[in-house]
C-alpha atoms as a PDB file:
ATOM      1  CA  UNK A   1     -19.949 -18.520  68.574  1.00  0.00           C
ATOM      2  CA  UNK A   2     -20.746 -14.830  68.792  1.00  0.00           C
ATOM      3  CA  UNK A   3     -19.063 -14.050  65.496  1.00  0.00           C
ATOM      4  CA  UNK A   4     -20.942 -16.967  63.932  1.00  0.00           C
ATOM      5  CA  UNK A   5     -24.172 -15.027  64.380  1.00  0.00           C
ATOM      6  CA  UNK A   6     -22.753 -12.260  62.199  1.00  0.00           C
ATOM      7  CA  UNK A   7     -21.925 -14.809  59.498  1.00  0.00           C
ATOM      8  CA  UNK A   8     -25.423 -16.291  59.838  1.00  0.00           C
ATOM      9  CA  UNK A   9     -26.859 -12.781  59.479  1.00  0.00           C
ATOM     10  CA  UNK A  10     -24.978 -12.197  56.241  1.00  0.00           C
ATOM     11  CA  UNK A  11     -26.093 -15.552  54.863  1.00  0.00           C
ATOM     12  CA  UNK A  12     -29.686 -14.919  55.914  1.00  0.00           C
ATOM     13  CA  UNK A  13     -29.735 -11.508  54.253  1.00  0.00           C
ATOM     14  CA  UNK A  14     -28.270 -13.050  51.082  1.00  0.00           C
ATOM     15  CA  UNK A  15     -31.006 -15.713  51.118  1.00  0.00           C
ATOM     16  CA  UNK A  16     -33.730 -13.103  51.550  1.00  0.00           C
ATOM     17  CA  UNK A  17     -32.154 -10.819  48.952  1.00  0.00           C
ATOM     18  CA  UNK A  18     -32.363 -13.576  46.342  1.00  0.00           C
ATOM     19  CA  UNK A  19     -36.085 -13.933  47.083  1.00  0.00           C
ATOM     20  CA  UNK A  20     -36.700 -10.173  47.029  1.00  0.00           C
ATOM     21  CA  UNK A  21     -34.814  -9.853  43.731  1.00  0.00           C
ATOM     22  CA  UNK A  22     -36.948 -12.607  42.229  1.00  0.00           C
ATOM     23  CA  UNK A  23     -40.276 -11.181  43.336  1.00  0.00           C
ATOM     24  CA  UNK A  24     -42.364 -10.008  40.388  1.00  0.00           C
ATOM     25  CA  UNK A  25     -44.697  -7.014  40.637  1.00  0.00           C
ATOM     26  CA  UNK A  26     -47.769  -9.195  40.097  1.00  0.00           C
ATOM     27  CA  UNK A  27     -46.799 -11.251  43.171  1.00  0.00           C
ATOM     28  CA  UNK A  28     -47.178  -8.322  45.592  1.00  0.00           C
ATOM     29  CA  UNK A  29     -50.818  -9.198  46.235  1.00  0.00           C
ATOM     30  CA  UNK A  30     -50.149 -12.897  46.862  1.00  0.00           C
ATOM     31  CA  UNK A  31     -50.988 -14.124  50.357  1.00  0.00           C
ATOM     32  CA  UNK A  32     -48.189 -15.250  52.657  1.00  0.00           C
ATOM     33  CA  UNK A  33     -48.132 -17.817  55.460  1.00  0.00           C
ATOM     34  CA  UNK A  34     -48.451 -14.777  57.773  1.00  0.00           C
ATOM     35  CA  UNK A  35     -52.193 -14.396  57.280  1.00  0.00           C
ATOM     36  CA  UNK A  36     -52.231 -10.671  58.052  1.00  0.00           C
ATOM     37  CA  UNK A  37     -49.739  -9.817  55.277  1.00  0.00           C
ATOM     38  CA  UNK A  38     -49.602 -10.109  51.539  1.00  0.00           C
ATOM     39  CA  UNK A  39     -46.170 -10.098  49.847  1.00  0.00           C
ATOM     40  CA  UNK A  40     -46.025  -6.299  49.685  1.00  0.00           C
ATOM     41  CA  UNK A  41     -46.813  -5.896  53.392  1.00  0.00           C
ATOM     42  CA  UNK A  42     -44.321  -8.644  54.270  1.00  0.00           C
ATOM     43  CA  UNK A  43     -41.569  -6.850  52.349  1.00  0.00           C
ATOM     44  CA  UNK A  44     -42.448  -3.619  54.142  1.00  0.00           C
ATOM     45  CA  UNK A  45     -42.207  -5.366  57.482  1.00  0.00           C
ATOM     46  CA  UNK A  46     -38.899  -7.089  56.738  1.00  0.00           C
ATOM     47  CA  UNK A  47     -37.185  -3.951  55.456  1.00  0.00           C
ATOM     48  CA  UNK A  48     -38.535  -1.891  58.348  1.00  0.00           C
ATOM     49  CA  UNK A  49     -37.293  -4.369  60.944  1.00  0.00           C
ATOM     50  CA  UNK A  50     -33.844  -4.603  59.321  1.00  0.00           C
ATOM     51  CA  UNK A  51     -33.629  -0.823  59.366  1.00  0.00           C
ATOM     52  CA  UNK A  52     -34.656  -0.592  63.016  1.00  0.00           C
ATOM     53  CA  UNK A  53     -32.269  -3.334  64.140  1.00  0.00           C
ATOM     54  CA  UNK A  54     -29.414  -1.371  62.580  1.00  0.00           C
ATOM     55  CA  UNK A  55     -29.821   1.168  65.404  1.00  0.00           C
ATOM     56  CA  UNK A  56     -29.129  -1.355  68.173  1.00  0.00           C
ATOM     57  CA  UNK A  57     -25.352  -1.766  67.848  1.00  0.00           C
ATOM     58  CA  UNK A  58     -25.012   2.023  68.066  1.00  0.00           C
ATOM     59  CA  UNK A  59     -26.711   2.093  71.459  1.00  0.00           C
ATOM     60  CA  UNK A  60     -30.088   3.338  70.262  1.00  0.00           C
ATOM     61  CA  UNK A  61     -33.332   1.746  71.351  1.00  0.00           C
ATOM     62  CA  UNK A  62     -35.311  -0.488  69.061  1.00  0.00           C
ATOM     63  CA  UNK A  63     -38.498   1.483  68.724  1.00  0.00           C
ATOM     64  CA  UNK A  64     -40.848  -0.197  66.282  1.00  0.00           C
ATOM     65  CA  UNK A  65     -42.345   2.303  63.897  1.00  0.00           C
ATOM     66  CA  UNK A  66     -45.352   1.853  61.639  1.00  0.00           C
ATOM     67  CA  UNK A  67     -44.628  -0.119  58.515  1.00  0.00           C
ATOM     68  CA  UNK A  68     -43.608   2.085  55.582  1.00  0.00           C
ATOM     69  CA  UNK A  69     -45.970   2.884  52.752  1.00  0.00           C
ATOM     70  CA  UNK A  70     -45.848   0.200  50.058  1.00  0.00           C
ATOM     71  CA  UNK A  71     -42.818   0.674  47.860  1.00  0.00           C
ATOM     72  CA  UNK A  72     -43.783  -1.812  45.125  1.00  0.00           C
ATOM     73  CA  UNK A  73     -40.763  -2.620  42.940  1.00  0.00           C
ATOM     74  CA  UNK A  74     -38.494  -0.394  45.008  1.00  0.00           C
ATOM     75  CA  UNK A  75     -37.795  -3.285  47.385  1.00  0.00           C
ATOM     76  CA  UNK A  76     -35.676  -4.904  44.683  1.00  0.00           C
ATOM     77  CA  UNK A  77     -33.612  -1.718  44.448  1.00  0.00           C
ATOM     78  CA  UNK A  78     -33.286  -0.870  48.150  1.00  0.00           C
ATOM     79  CA  UNK A  79     -32.690  -4.305  49.652  1.00  0.00           C
ATOM     80  CA  UNK A  80     -29.023  -4.745  48.596  1.00  0.00           C
ATOM     81  CA  UNK A  81     -27.890  -1.451  50.148  1.00  0.00           C
ATOM     82  CA  UNK A  82     -30.067  -2.000  53.220  1.00  0.00           C
ATOM     83  CA  UNK A  83     -28.584  -5.463  53.776  1.00  0.00           C
ATOM     84  CA  UNK A  84     -25.054  -4.150  53.297  1.00  0.00           C
ATOM     85  CA  UNK A  85     -25.640  -1.308  55.771  1.00  0.00           C
ATOM     86  CA  UNK A  86     -27.111  -3.749  58.292  1.00  0.00           C
ATOM     87  CA  UNK A  87     -24.083  -6.056  58.149  1.00  0.00           C
ATOM     88  CA  UNK A  88     -21.780  -3.043  58.422  1.00  0.00           C
ATOM     89  CA  UNK A  89     -23.643  -1.793  61.512  1.00  0.00           C
ATOM     90  CA  UNK A  90     -23.322  -5.164  63.233  1.00  0.00           C
ATOM     91  CA  UNK A  91     -19.663  -5.549  62.138  1.00  0.00           C
ATOM     92  CA  UNK A  92     -18.499  -2.556  64.182  1.00  0.00           C
ATOM     93  CA  UNK A  93     -16.001  -3.344  66.957  1.00  0.00           C
ATOM     94  CA  UNK A  94     -17.718  -4.726  70.065  1.00  0.00           C
ATOM     95  CA  UNK A  95     -21.183  -4.541  68.457  1.00  0.00           C
ATOM     96  CA  UNK A  96     -21.895  -8.151  69.391  1.00  0.00           C
ATOM     97  CA  UNK A  97     -20.718  -7.627  72.976  1.00  0.00           C
ATOM     98  CA  UNK A  98     -22.279  -4.220  73.609  1.00  0.00           C
ATOM     99  CA  UNK A  99     -25.577  -4.077  75.503  1.00  0.00           C
ATOM    100  CA  UNK A 100     -28.529  -3.478  73.199  1.00  0.00           C
ATOM    101  CA  UNK A 101     -31.741  -1.825  74.325  1.00  0.00           C
ATOM    102  CA  UNK A 102     -34.108  -4.307  72.718  1.00  0.00           C
ATOM    103  CA  UNK A 103     -37.890  -4.210  72.977  1.00  0.00           C
ATOM    104  CA  UNK A 104     -37.601  -7.478  74.967  1.00  0.00           C
ATOM    105  CA  UNK A 105     -35.149  -5.906  77.412  1.00  0.00           C
ATOM    106  CA  UNK A 106     -31.456  -5.136  77.542  1.00  0.00           C
ATOM    107  CA  UNK A 107     -29.260  -7.916  76.182  1.00  0.00           C
ATOM    108  CA  UNK A 108     -25.871  -8.416  74.546  1.00  0.00           C
ATOM    109  CA  UNK A 109     -25.715  -7.586  70.862  1.00  0.00           C
ATOM    110  CA  UNK A 110     -25.119 -11.180  69.799  1.00  0.00           C
ATOM    111  CA  UNK A 111     -28.373 -12.187  71.480  1.00  0.00           C
ATOM    112  CA  UNK A 112     -30.374  -9.364  69.892  1.00  0.00           C
ATOM    113  CA  UNK A 113     -28.891 -10.172  66.490  1.00  0.00           C
ATOM    114  CA  UNK A 114     -29.720 -13.879  66.981  1.00  0.00           C
ATOM    115  CA  UNK A 115     -33.378 -12.959  67.491  1.00  0.00           C
ATOM    116  CA  UNK A 116     -33.266 -10.801  64.380  1.00  0.00           C
ATOM    117  CA  UNK A 117     -31.630 -13.527  62.264  1.00  0.00           C
ATOM    118  CA  UNK A 118     -34.412 -15.944  63.217  1.00  0.00           C
ATOM    119  CA  UNK A 119     -37.113 -13.411  62.347  1.00  0.00           C
ATOM    120  CA  UNK A 120     -35.590 -12.430  58.992  1.00  0.00           C
ATOM    121  CA  UNK A 121     -34.999 -16.066  58.036  1.00  0.00           C
ATOM    122  CA  UNK A 122     -38.580 -17.002  58.890  1.00  0.00           C
ATOM    123  CA  UNK A 123     -39.934 -14.151  56.797  1.00  0.00           C
ATOM    124  CA  UNK A 124     -37.585 -15.106  53.966  1.00  0.00           C
ATOM    125  CA  UNK A 125     -39.230 -18.516  54.016  1.00  0.00           C
ATOM    126  CA  UNK A 126     -42.655 -16.816  54.042  1.00  0.00           C
ATOM    127  CA  UNK A 127     -41.637 -14.864  50.948  1.00  0.00           C
ATOM    128  CA  UNK A 128     -40.332 -18.023  49.280  1.00  0.00           C
ATOM    129  CA  UNK A 129     -43.620 -19.809  49.823  1.00  0.00           C
ATOM    130  CA  UNK A 130     -45.755 -16.851  48.743  1.00  0.00           C
ATOM    131  CA  UNK A 131     -43.788 -16.313  45.527  1.00  0.00           C
ATOM    132  CA  UNK A 132     -43.424 -20.044  44.944  1.00  0.00           C
ATOM    133  CA  UNK A 133     -39.660 -19.893  44.802  1.00  0.00           C
ATOM    134  CA  UNK A 134     -39.957 -22.986  47.002  1.00  0.00           C
ATOM    135  CA  UNK A 135     -42.796 -25.440  47.164  1.00  0.00           C
ATOM    136  CA  UNK A 136     -44.775 -25.959  50.307  1.00  0.00           C
ATOM    137  CA  UNK A 137     -47.156 -28.642  51.405  1.00  0.00           C
ATOM    138  CA  UNK A 138     -50.562 -28.221  49.755  1.00  0.00           C
ATOM    139  CA  UNK A 139     -52.099 -28.093  53.229  1.00  0.00           C
ATOM    140  CA  UNK A 140     -50.812 -24.538  53.690  1.00  0.00           C
ATOM    141  CA  UNK A 141     -53.263 -23.136  51.144  1.00  0.00           C
END
């Protein structure tokens, strides 16, 4: 089961990458289901969180930092290498077994990564809805 979370992470990042790659510049100001973020802010959040979670398997603490300055179209360019680096970080020997110093407390890596997979997948759905790469119930808007 613990290695399944790594596979789920790779699949989740691939899903989100497809949405990031398909995001047009004019969509950056579109609202998302997360009312406090437009598409640009959502992309900043997602990439920042992926970057910070990459520190956990190496024994570093997850210290949330402010969201990066808007990168506009750069997200399409940086996401593939960021996703690859994230999978590589979590693929290291014993990364899923090693204790991670998560903001919610110390926990095994597989548990921390499971939380992260859920968060990234949810925000991938947010991006899909905001960019209309999937349709959502008209009650959302």
